[in-house]
């Protein structure tokens, strides 16, 4: 069976993030890449306490991807932007 992974890019999305997550909460994996939000975006996400949600800071993710070509290829093959 296929695994559904969703990537969400955030920047000060406190007002919208819950609605967004409610539409995809059944996904196997939700990856949130936050661009250093200055509002309560991350707090709202953490309060959900869902195990299928992983949060990364934007800089960390891009540093990791640039160091690992396999992950870049995997992302291109598995995710739709």
Protein backbone atom coordinates (compact mmCIF):
# COMPACT_ATOMS: atom_id res chain seq x y z
CA UNK A 1 0.00 0.00 0.00
CA UNK A 2 1.25 3.48 -0.83
CA UNK A 3 2.14 5.97 1.84
CA UNK A 4 0.77 9.50 1.61
CA UNK A 5 3.15 12.24 2.74
CA UNK A 6 2.27 15.93 2.69
CA UNK A 7 4.69 18.86 2.93
CA UNK A 8 3.41 22.20 4.21
CA UNK A 9 5.49 25.37 4.06
CA UNK A 10 4.59 27.86 6.79
CA UNK A 11 5.39 31.45 7.72
CA UNK A 12 3.12 33.11 10.29
CA UNK A 13 0.13 30.86 9.54
CA UNK A 14 -1.40 30.80 13.02
CA UNK A 15 -4.84 31.72 11.65
CA UNK A 16 -4.84 29.14 8.85
CA UNK A 17 -2.81 26.14 9.98
CA UNK A 18 -5.59 24.28 11.83
CA UNK A 19 -7.94 24.40 8.86
CA UNK A 20 -5.14 23.23 6.61
CA UNK A 21 -4.18 20.33 8.87
CA UNK A 22 -7.79 19.22 9.32
CA UNK A 23 -8.05 18.58 5.58
CA UNK A 24 -5.00 16.31 5.50
CA UNK A 25 -4.88 14.82 9.02
CA UNK A 26 -5.44 11.31 7.64
CA UNK A 27 -2.13 11.47 5.73
CA UNK A 28 0.48 8.97 6.89
CA UNK A 29 3.06 11.70 7.34
CA UNK A 30 2.80 15.49 7.51
CA UNK A 31 6.04 17.42 7.19
CA UNK A 32 5.88 21.07 8.13
CA UNK A 33 8.76 23.29 7.04
CA UNK A 34 8.51 26.51 8.98
CA UNK A 35 10.23 29.70 7.83
CA UNK A 36 10.78 31.06 11.36
CA UNK A 37 7.22 32.11 12.10
CA UNK A 38 6.92 34.99 14.54
CA UNK A 39 3.35 34.23 15.58
CA UNK A 40 1.95 31.15 17.34
CA UNK A 41 2.06 28.83 14.31
CA UNK A 42 4.40 26.30 15.89
CA UNK A 43 2.58 26.39 19.22
CA UNK A 44 -0.73 25.63 17.50
CA UNK A 45 0.85 22.67 15.68
CA UNK A 46 2.48 21.29 18.84
CA UNK A 47 -0.82 21.50 20.75
CA UNK A 48 -2.33 19.01 18.29
CA UNK A 49 -0.01 16.27 19.63
CA UNK A 50 -0.27 14.17 16.48
CA UNK A 51 2.47 11.61 15.87
CA UNK A 52 2.28 11.88 12.10
CA UNK A 53 3.36 15.56 12.11
CA UNK A 54 7.05 16.45 11.89
CA UNK A 55 8.19 20.07 12.10
CA UNK A 56 11.47 21.40 10.70
CA UNK A 57 12.96 24.85 10.44
CA UNK A 58 13.51 25.91 6.83
CA UNK A 59 17.28 26.41 7.09
CA UNK A 60 17.82 23.00 8.67
CA UNK A 61 15.83 21.21 5.97
CA UNK A 62 17.65 22.84 3.09
CA UNK A 63 21.05 22.21 4.68
CA UNK A 64 20.09 18.56 5.11
CA UNK A 65 18.80 18.23 1.57
CA UNK A 66 21.88 19.77 0.03
CA UNK A 67 24.01 17.21 1.87
CA UNK A 68 21.98 14.21 0.82
CA UNK A 69 21.19 13.72 -2.86
CA UNK A 70 19.15 10.59 -2.16
CA UNK A 71 16.65 12.61 -0.17
CA UNK A 72 16.39 15.19 -2.96
CA UNK A 73 15.63 12.46 -5.48
CA UNK A 74 13.12 10.85 -3.14
CA UNK A 75 11.31 14.16 -2.66
CA UNK A 76 11.07 14.73 -6.39
CA UNK A 77 9.64 11.26 -6.93
CA UNK A 78 7.23 11.13 -3.98
CA UNK A 79 5.78 14.59 -3.45
CA UNK A 80 3.65 16.82 -5.57
CA UNK A 81 4.18 20.58 -5.26
